[in-house]
Amino acid sequence: MKMVEGFSLRTIAGTNVVVPVGKANISFKGMITLNDSGVFMWKQLQSDINDSELLQAMLEEYDIDDQTAKADIREFLDTLTRAGLLE
């Protein structure tokens, strides 16, 4: 899985947000706010990565158990899918 083109991670007034750029700005209105783990996963998804690689990266980055990491990943990916941001 990988992020679609046309979106950029920005920090605005200390808040991490994903905003549309270029042609994506026409069809996607608004922005998505990300917490620290969301920013980490967003950066991981800039390259083609599978679920198990993303899980392993989360476990290496954060002191969390498998179940928590899987739940966080699923919630994040579901949000991105609903917004049309995942290929």
PDB file of N, CA and C in Angstrom:
ATOM      1  N   MET A   1       0.840  -1.180   0.000  1.00  0.00           N
ATOM      2  CA  MET A   1       0.000   0.000   0.000  1.00  0.00           C
ATOM      3  C   MET A   1       0.879   1.234   0.000  1.00  0.00           C
ATOM      4  N   LYS A   2       0.322   2.298  -0.500  1.00  0.00           N
ATOM      5  CA  LYS A   2       1.083   3.534  -0.640  1.00  0.00           C
ATOM      6  C   LYS A   2       0.097   4.697  -0.707  1.00  0.00           C
ATOM      7  N   MET A   3       0.552   5.872  -0.316  1.00  0.00           N
ATOM      8  CA  MET A   3      -0.281   7.070  -0.379  1.00  0.00           C
ATOM      9  C   MET A   3      -0.472   7.488  -1.834  1.00  0.00           C
ATOM     10  N   VAL A   4      -1.628   8.068  -2.129  1.00  0.00           N
ATOM     11  CA  VAL A   4      -1.830   8.626  -3.460  1.00  0.00           C
ATOM     12  C   VAL A   4      -1.019   9.915  -3.568  1.00  0.00           C
ATOM     13  N   GLU A   5      -0.730  10.314  -4.772  1.00  0.00           N
ATOM     14  CA  GLU A   5       0.010  11.562  -5.006  1.00  0.00           C
ATOM     15  C   GLU A   5      -0.925  12.751  -4.779  1.00  0.00           C
ATOM     16  N   GLY A   6      -0.353  13.883  -4.472  1.00  0.00           N
ATOM     17  CA  GLY A   6      -1.131  15.106  -4.383  1.00  0.00           C
ATOM     18  C   GLY A   6      -1.471  15.556  -2.978  1.00  0.00           C
ATOM     19  N   PHE A   7      -0.825  14.945  -1.977  1.00  0.00           N
ATOM     20  CA  PHE A   7      -1.070  15.346  -0.595  1.00  0.00           C
ATOM     21  C   PHE A   7       0.263  15.543   0.099  1.00  0.00           C
ATOM     22  N   SER A   8       0.297  16.497   1.006  1.00  0.00           N
ATOM     23  CA  SER A   8       1.551  16.846   1.659  1.00  0.00           C
ATOM     24  C   SER A   8       1.338  16.986   3.161  1.00  0.00           C
ATOM     25  N   LEU A   9       2.303  16.514   3.923  1.00  0.00           N
ATOM     26  CA  LEU A   9       2.292  16.677   5.370  1.00  0.00           C
ATOM     27  C   LEU A   9       2.912  18.023   5.699  1.00  0.00           C
ATOM     28  N   ARG A  10       2.199  18.812   6.463  1.00  0.00           N
ATOM     29  CA  ARG A  10       2.681  20.141   6.867  1.00  0.00           C
ATOM     30  C   ARG A  10       2.487  20.310   8.367  1.00  0.00           C
ATOM     31  N   THR A  11       3.263  21.190   8.958  1.00  0.00           N
ATOM     32  CA  THR A  11       3.054  21.581  10.348  1.00  0.00           C
ATOM     33  C   THR A  11       2.614  23.033  10.339  1.00  0.00           C
ATOM     34  N   ILE A  12       1.403  23.263  10.822  1.00  0.00           N
ATOM     35  CA  ILE A  12       0.819  24.602  10.835  1.00  0.00           C
ATOM     36  C   ILE A  12       0.504  24.959  12.281  1.00  0.00           C
ATOM     37  N   ALA A  13       1.150  25.990  12.786  1.00  0.00           N
ATOM     38  CA  ALA A  13       0.962  26.445  14.167  1.00  0.00           C
ATOM     39  C   ALA A  13       1.126  25.290  15.155  1.00  0.00           C
ATOM     40  N   GLY A  14       2.120  24.431  14.906  1.00  0.00           N
ATOM     41  CA  GLY A  14       2.410  23.325  15.803  1.00  0.00           C
ATOM     42  C   GLY A  14       1.533  22.096  15.636  1.00  0.00           C
ATOM     43  N   THR A  15       0.630  22.120  14.662  1.00  0.00           N
ATOM     44  CA  THR A  15      -0.265  20.992  14.406  1.00  0.00           C
ATOM     45  C   THR A  15       0.108  20.332  13.090  1.00  0.00           C
ATOM     46  N   ASN A  16       0.240  19.016  13.104  1.00  0.00           N
ATOM     47  CA  ASN A  16       0.570  18.258  11.896  1.00  0.00           C
ATOM     48  C   ASN A  16      -0.700  17.982  11.104  1.00  0.00           C
ATOM     49  N   VAL A  17      -0.702  18.405   9.848  1.00  0.00           N
ATOM     50  CA  VAL A  17      -1.872  18.218   8.993  1.00  0.00           C
ATOM     51  C   VAL A  17      -1.450  17.726   7.615  1.00  0.00           C
ATOM     52  N   VAL A  18      -2.341  16.977   6.988  1.00  0.00           N
ATOM     53  CA  VAL A  18      -2.169  16.556   5.604  1.00  0.00           C
ATOM     54  C   VAL A  18      -3.094  17.428   4.771  1.00  0.00           C
ATOM     55  N   VAL A  19      -2.531  18.067   3.762  1.00  0.00           N
ATOM     56  CA  VAL A  19      -3.306  18.971   2.912  1.00  0.00           C
ATOM     57  C   VAL A  19      -3.151  18.572   1.447  1.00  0.00           C
ATOM     58  N   PRO A  20      -4.188  18.825   0.656  1.00  0.00           N
ATOM     59  CA  PRO A  20      -4.073  18.548  -0.776  1.00  0.00           C
ATOM     60  C   PRO A  20      -3.222  19.613  -1.450  1.00  0.00           C
ATOM     61  N   VAL A  21      -2.469  19.195  -2.460  1.00  0.00           N
ATOM     62  CA  VAL A  21      -1.674  20.133  -3.255  1.00  0.00           C
ATOM     63  C   VAL A  21      -1.930  19.850  -4.730  1.00  0.00           C
ATOM     64  N   GLY A  22      -1.734  20.843  -5.543  1.00  0.00           N
ATOM     65  CA  GLY A  22      -1.922  20.670  -6.984  1.00  0.00           C
ATOM     66  C   GLY A  22      -3.344  20.295  -7.336  1.00  0.00           C
ATOM     67  N   LYS A  23      -3.509  19.348  -8.256  1.00  0.00           N
ATOM     68  CA  LYS A  23      -4.831  18.944  -8.735  1.00  0.00           C
ATOM     69  C   LYS A  23      -5.691  18.316  -7.643  1.00  0.00           C
ATOM     70  N   ALA A  24      -5.074  17.719  -6.636  1.00  0.00           N
ATOM     71  CA  ALA A  24      -5.834  17.121  -5.534  1.00  0.00           C
ATOM     72  C   ALA A  24      -6.642  18.174  -4.790  1.00  0.00           C
ATOM     73  N   ASN A  25      -6.190  19.414  -4.850  1.00  0.00           N
ATOM     74  CA  ASN A  25      -6.879  20.514  -4.185  1.00  0.00           C
ATOM     75  C   ASN A  25      -8.265  20.757  -4.768  1.00  0.00           C
ATOM     76  N   ILE A  26      -8.474  20.353  -6.012  1.00  0.00           N
ATOM     77  CA  ILE A  26      -9.769  20.545  -6.668  1.00  0.00           C
ATOM     78  C   ILE A  26     -10.814  19.602  -6.087  1.00  0.00           C
ATOM     79  N   SER A  27     -10.442  18.340  -5.886  1.00  0.00           N
ATOM     80  CA  SER A  27     -11.422  17.343  -5.463  1.00  0.00           C
ATOM     81  C   SER A  27     -11.467  17.101  -3.959  1.00  0.00           C
ATOM     82  N   PHE A  28     -10.429  17.444  -3.236  1.00  0.00           N
ATOM     83  CA  PHE A  28     -10.379  17.199  -1.796  1.00  0.00           C
ATOM     84  C   PHE A  28     -10.358  18.530  -1.075  1.00  0.00           C
ATOM     85  N   LYS A  29     -11.388  18.793  -0.335  1.00  0.00           N
ATOM     86  CA  LYS A  29     -11.465  20.045   0.425  1.00  0.00           C
ATOM     87  C   LYS A  29     -11.202  19.753   1.895  1.00  0.00           C
ATOM     88  N   GLY A  30     -10.369  20.534   2.505  1.00  0.00           N
ATOM     89  CA  GLY A  30     -10.091  20.357   3.920  1.00  0.00           C
ATOM     90  C   GLY A  30      -8.701  19.827   4.171  1.00  0.00           C
ATOM     91  N   MET A  31      -8.519  19.268   5.375  1.00  0.00           N
ATOM     92  CA  MET A  31      -7.237  18.713   5.763  1.00  0.00           C
ATOM     93  C   MET A  31      -7.480  17.637   6.803  1.00  0.00           C
ATOM     94  N   ILE A  32      -6.477  16.816   7.030  1.00  0.00           N
ATOM     95  CA  ILE A  32      -6.542  15.759   8.028  1.00  0.00           C
ATOM     96  C   ILE A  32      -5.477  16.053   9.073  1.00  0.00           C
ATOM     97  N   THR A  33      -5.873  16.101  10.333  1.00  0.00           N
ATOM     98  CA  THR A  33      -4.946  16.344  11.431  1.00  0.00           C
ATOM     99  C   THR A  33      -4.347  15.017  11.890  1.00  0.00           C
ATOM    100  N   LEU A  34      -3.035  15.003  12.107  1.00  0.00           N
ATOM    101  CA  LEU A  34      -2.348  13.784  12.532  1.00  0.00           C
ATOM    102  C   LEU A  34      -1.650  13.983  13.870  1.00  0.00           C
ATOM    103  N   ASN A  35      -1.708  12.940  14.711  1.00  0.00           N
ATOM    104  CA  ASN A  35      -0.901  12.942  15.930  1.00  0.00           C
ATOM    105  C   ASN A  35       0.490  12.401  15.578  1.00  0.00           C
ATOM    106  N   ASP A  36       1.346  12.243  16.574  1.00  0.00           N
ATOM    107  CA  ASP A  36       2.728  11.820  16.303  1.00  0.00           C
ATOM    108  C   ASP A  36       2.804  10.451  15.624  1.00  0.00           C
ATOM    109  N   SER A  37       1.994   9.500  16.082  1.00  0.00           N
ATOM    110  CA  SER A  37       2.038   8.178  15.449  1.00  0.00           C
ATOM    111  C   SER A  37       1.459   8.236  14.042  1.00  0.00           C
ATOM    112  N   GLY A  38       0.480   9.112  13.820  1.00  0.00           N
ATOM    113  CA  GLY A  38      -0.052   9.310  12.473  1.00  0.00           C
ATOM    114  C   GLY A  38       1.004   9.869  11.536  1.00  0.00           C
ATOM    115  N   VAL A  39       1.796  10.803  12.026  1.00  0.00           N
ATOM    116  CA  VAL A  39       2.895  11.364  11.224  1.00  0.00           C
ATOM    117  C   VAL A  39       3.901  10.265  10.889  1.00  0.00           C
ATOM    118  N   PHE A  40       4.227   9.440  11.882  1.00  0.00           N
ATOM    119  CA  PHE A  40       5.173   8.351  11.651  1.00  0.00           C
ATOM    120  C   PHE A  40       4.650   7.406  10.575  1.00  0.00           C
ATOM    121  N   MET A  41       3.372   7.000  10.690  1.00  0.00           N
ATOM    122  CA  MET A  41       2.804   6.086   9.696  1.00  0.00           C
ATOM    123  C   MET A  41       2.702   6.749   8.328  1.00  0.00           C
ATOM    124  N   TRP A  42       2.346   8.035   8.297  1.00  0.00           N
ATOM    125  CA  TRP A  42       2.276   8.765   7.025  1.00  0.00           C
ATOM    126  C   TRP A  42       3.630   8.695   6.308  1.00  0.00           C
ATOM    127  N   LYS A  43       4.689   8.937   7.050  1.00  0.00           N
ATOM    128  CA  LYS A  43       6.032   8.905   6.455  1.00  0.00           C
ATOM    129  C   LYS A  43       6.386   7.500   5.966  1.00  0.00           C
ATOM    130  N   GLN A  44       5.983   6.477   6.710  1.00  0.00           N
ATOM    131  CA  GLN A  44       6.236   5.101   6.281  1.00  0.00           C
ATOM    132  C   GLN A  44       5.500   4.790   4.979  1.00  0.00           C
ATOM    133  N   LEU A  45       4.309   5.348   4.821  1.00  0.00           N
ATOM    134  CA  LEU A  45       3.472   5.071   3.653  1.00  0.00           C
ATOM    135  C   LEU A  45       3.883   5.861   2.413  1.00  0.00           C
ATOM    136  N   GLN A  46       4.931   6.649   2.509  1.00  0.00           N
ATOM    137  CA  GLN A  46       5.419   7.366   1.334  1.00  0.00           C
ATOM    138  C   GLN A  46       6.099   6.415   0.359  1.00  0.00           C
ATOM    139  N   SER A  47       6.515   5.262   0.861  1.00  0.00           N
ATOM    140  CA  SER A  47       7.041   4.213  -0.019  1.00  0.00           C
ATOM    141  C   SER A  47       6.075   3.036   0.054  1.00  0.00           C
ATOM    142  N   ASP A  48       6.170   2.151  -0.905  1.00  0.00           N
ATOM    143  CA  ASP A  48       5.288   0.993  -0.940  1.00  0.00           C
ATOM    144  C   ASP A  48       5.647   0.074   0.227  1.00  0.00           C
ATOM    145  N   ILE A  49       4.704  -0.129   1.140  1.00  0.00           N
ATOM    146  CA  ILE A  49       4.955  -0.908   2.352  1.00  0.00           C
ATOM    147  C   ILE A  49       3.745  -1.799   2.600  1.00  0.00           C
ATOM    148  N   ASN A  50       3.969  -2.992   3.123  1.00  0.00           N
ATOM    149  CA  ASN A  50       2.827  -3.854   3.416  1.00  0.00           C
ATOM    150  C   ASN A  50       2.466  -3.768   4.900  1.00  0.00           C
ATOM    151  N   ASP A  51       1.359  -4.409   5.267  1.00  0.00           N
ATOM    152  CA  ASP A  51       0.861  -4.332   6.645  1.00  0.00           C
ATOM    153  C   ASP A  51       1.887  -4.808   7.671  1.00  0.00           C
ATOM    154  N   SER A  52       2.542  -5.923   7.387  1.00  0.00           N
ATOM    155  CA  SER A  52       3.487  -6.466   8.368  1.00  0.00           C
ATOM    156  C   SER A  52       4.715  -5.568   8.521  1.00  0.00           C
ATOM    157  N   GLU A  53       5.154  -4.934   7.443  1.00  0.00           N
ATOM    158  CA  GLU A  53       6.284  -3.998   7.531  1.00  0.00           C
ATOM    159  C   GLU A  53       5.898  -2.757   8.329  1.00  0.00           C
ATOM    160  N   LEU A  54       4.676  -2.286   8.140  1.00  0.00           N
ATOM    161  CA  LEU A  54       4.204  -1.126   8.900  1.00  0.00           C
ATOM    162  C   LEU A  54       4.085  -1.487  10.377  1.00  0.00           C
ATOM    163  N   LEU A  55       3.559  -2.670  10.671  1.00  0.00           N
ATOM    164  CA  LEU A  55       3.465  -3.129  12.058  1.00  0.00           C
ATOM    165  C   LEU A  55       4.854  -3.205  12.686  1.00  0.00           C
ATOM    166  N   GLN A  56       5.798  -3.792  12.003  1.00  0.00           N
ATOM    167  CA  GLN A  56       7.160  -3.914  12.530  1.00  0.00           C
ATOM    168  C   GLN A  56       7.776  -2.536  12.786  1.00  0.00           C
ATOM    169  N   ALA A  57       7.571  -1.607  11.878  1.00  0.00           N
ATOM    170  CA  ALA A  57       8.096  -0.247  12.055  1.00  0.00           C
ATOM    171  C   ALA A  57       7.486   0.414  13.288  1.00  0.00           C
ATOM    172  N   MET A  58       6.176   0.234  13.486  1.00  0.00           N
ATOM    173  CA  MET A  58       5.505   0.819  14.660  1.00  0.00           C
ATOM    174  C   MET A  58       6.050   0.211  15.954  1.00  0.00           C
ATOM    175  N   LEU A  59       6.243  -1.102  15.957  1.00  0.00           N
ATOM    176  CA  LEU A  59       6.746  -1.771  17.160  1.00  0.00           C
ATOM    177  C   LEU A  59       8.171  -1.340  17.484  1.00  0.00           C
ATOM    178  N   GLU A  60       8.966  -1.068  16.467  1.00  0.00           N
ATOM    179  CA  GLU A  60      10.339  -0.609  16.688  1.00  0.00           C
ATOM    180  C   GLU A  60      10.387   0.845  17.150  1.00  0.00           C
ATOM    181  N   GLU A  61       9.436   1.652  16.682  1.00  0.00           N
ATOM    182  CA  GLU A  61       9.429   3.088  17.003  1.00  0.00           C
ATOM    183  C   GLU A  61       8.799   3.388  18.366  1.00  0.00           C
ATOM    184  N   TYR A  62       7.752   2.641  18.719  1.00  0.00           N
ATOM    185  CA  TYR A  62       6.981   2.930  19.930  1.00  0.00           C
ATOM    186  C   TYR A  62       7.011   1.742  20.886  1.00  0.00           C
ATOM    187  N   ASP A  63       6.931   2.032  22.151  1.00  0.00           N
ATOM    188  CA  ASP A  63       6.903   0.993  23.181  1.00  0.00           C
ATOM    189  C   ASP A  63       5.452   0.557  23.396  1.00  0.00           C
ATOM    190  N   ILE A  64       4.922  -0.202  22.426  1.00  0.00           N
ATOM    191  CA  ILE A  64       3.543  -0.674  22.490  1.00  0.00           C
ATOM    192  C   ILE A  64       3.496  -2.156  22.131  1.00  0.00           C
ATOM    193  N   ASP A  65       2.396  -2.809  22.533  1.00  0.00           N
ATOM    194  CA  ASP A  65       2.244  -4.225  22.218  1.00  0.00           C
ATOM    195  C   ASP A  65       1.617  -4.398  20.829  1.00  0.00           C
ATOM    196  N   ASP A  66       1.654  -5.621  20.342  1.00  0.00           N
ATOM    197  CA  ASP A  66       1.126  -5.946  19.012  1.00  0.00           C
ATOM    198  C   ASP A  66      -0.318  -5.491  18.824  1.00  0.00           C
ATOM    199  N   GLN A  67      -1.163  -5.804  19.806  1.00  0.00           N
ATOM    200  CA  GLN A  67      -2.594  -5.501  19.678  1.00  0.00           C
ATOM    201  C   GLN A  67      -2.838  -3.996  19.563  1.00  0.00           C
ATOM    202  N   THR A  68      -2.149  -3.216  20.374  1.00  0.00           N
ATOM    203  CA  THR A  68      -2.299  -1.762  20.326  1.00  0.00           C
ATOM    204  C   THR A  68      -1.819  -1.223  18.986  1.00  0.00           C
ATOM    205  N   ALA A  69      -0.675  -1.709  18.538  1.00  0.00           N
ATOM    206  CA  ALA A  69      -0.135  -1.257  17.250  1.00  0.00           C
ATOM    207  C   ALA A  69      -1.085  -1.615  16.112  1.00  0.00           C
ATOM    208  N   LYS A  70      -1.600  -2.836  16.109  1.00  0.00           N
ATOM    209  CA  LYS A  70      -2.527  -3.262  15.056  1.00  0.00           C
ATOM    210  C   LYS A  70      -3.790  -2.414  15.050  1.00  0.00           C
ATOM    211  N   ALA A  71      -4.323  -2.114  16.234  1.00  0.00           N
ATOM    212  CA  ALA A  71      -5.530  -1.288  16.326  1.00  0.00           C
ATOM    213  C   ALA A  71      -5.259   0.125  15.815  1.00  0.00           C
ATOM    214  N   ASP A  72      -4.119   0.697  16.201  1.00  0.00           N
ATOM    215  CA  ASP A  72      -3.759   2.046  15.745  1.00  0.00           C
ATOM    216  C   ASP A  72      -3.580   2.086  14.226  1.00  0.00           C
ATOM    217  N   ILE A  73      -2.912   1.079  13.696  1.00  0.00           N
ATOM    218  CA  ILE A  73      -2.690   1.014  12.250  1.00  0.00           C
ATOM    219  C   ILE A  73      -4.014   0.880  11.518  1.00  0.00           C
ATOM    220  N   ARG A  74      -4.883  -0.019  11.984  1.00  0.00           N
ATOM    221  CA  ARG A  74      -6.175  -0.240  11.325  1.00  0.00           C
ATOM    222  C   ARG A  74      -6.999   1.048  11.314  1.00  0.00           C
ATOM    223  N   GLU A  75      -7.053   1.744  12.455  1.00  0.00           N
ATOM    224  CA  GLU A  75      -7.813   2.994  12.537  1.00  0.00           C
ATOM    225  C   GLU A  75      -7.252   4.035  11.564  1.00  0.00           C
ATOM    226  N   PHE A  76      -5.930   4.149  11.516  1.00  0.00           N
ATOM    227  CA  PHE A  76      -5.290   5.119  10.627  1.00  0.00           C
ATOM    228  C   PHE A  76      -5.556   4.782   9.164  1.00  0.00           C
ATOM    229  N   LEU A  77      -5.369   3.522   8.798  1.00  0.00           N
ATOM    230  CA  LEU A  77      -5.588   3.110   7.409  1.00  0.00           C
ATOM    231  C   LEU A  77      -7.054   3.251   7.002  1.00  0.00           C
ATOM    232  N   ASP A  78      -7.966   2.957   7.922  1.00  0.00           N
ATOM    233  CA  ASP A  78      -9.394   3.133   7.629  1.00  0.00           C
ATOM    234  C   ASP A  78      -9.714   4.601   7.355  1.00  0.00           C
ATOM    235  N   THR A  79      -9.136   5.492   8.152  1.00  0.00           N
ATOM    236  CA  THR A  79      -9.347   6.929   7.949  1.00  0.00           C
ATOM    237  C   THR A  79      -8.818   7.365   6.586  1.00  0.00           C
ATOM    238  N   LEU A  80      -7.622   6.913   6.239  1.00  0.00           N
ATOM    239  CA  LEU A  80      -7.038   7.274   4.942  1.00  0.00           C
ATOM    240  C   LEU A  80      -7.838   6.687   3.784  1.00  0.00           C
ATOM    241  N   THR A  81      -8.316   5.472   3.942  1.00  0.00           N
ATOM    242  CA  THR A  81      -9.111   4.827   2.893  1.00  0.00           C
ATOM    243  C   THR A  81     -10.411   5.582   2.668  1.00  0.00           C
ATOM    244  N   ARG A  82     -11.103   5.932   3.753  1.00  0.00           N
ATOM    245  CA  ARG A  82     -12.359   6.696   3.627  1.00  0.00           C
ATOM    246  C   ARG A  82     -12.123   8.037   2.935  1.00  0.00           C
ATOM    247  N   ALA A  83     -10.958   8.632   3.171  1.00  0.00           N
ATOM    248  CA  ALA A  83     -10.635   9.925   2.558  1.00  0.00           C
ATOM    249  C   ALA A  83     -10.098   9.773   1.134  1.00  0.00           C
ATOM    250  N   GLY A  84      -9.870   8.525   0.698  1.00  0.00           N
ATOM    251  CA  GLY A  84      -9.364   8.285  -0.654  1.00  0.00           C
ATOM    252  C   GLY A  84      -7.882   8.554  -0.820  1.00  0.00           C
ATOM    253  N   LEU A  85      -7.116   8.413   0.255  1.00  0.00           N
ATOM    254  CA  LEU A  85      -5.698   8.751   0.204  1.00  0.00           C
ATOM    255  C   LEU A  85      -4.759   7.558   0.050  1.00  0.00           C
ATOM    256  N   LEU A  86      -5.298   6.344   0.017  1.00  0.00           N
ATOM    257  CA  LEU A  86      -4.457   5.154  -0.144  1.00  0.00           C
ATOM    258  C   LEU A  86      -4.651   4.538  -1.512  1.00  0.00           C
ATOM    259  N   GLU A  87      -3.552   4.066  -2.110  1.00  0.00           N
ATOM    260  CA  GLU A  87      -3.626   3.347  -3.387  1.00  0.00           C
ATOM    261  C   GLU A  87      -3.918   1.892  -3.100  1.00  0.00           C
TER     262      GLU A  87
END
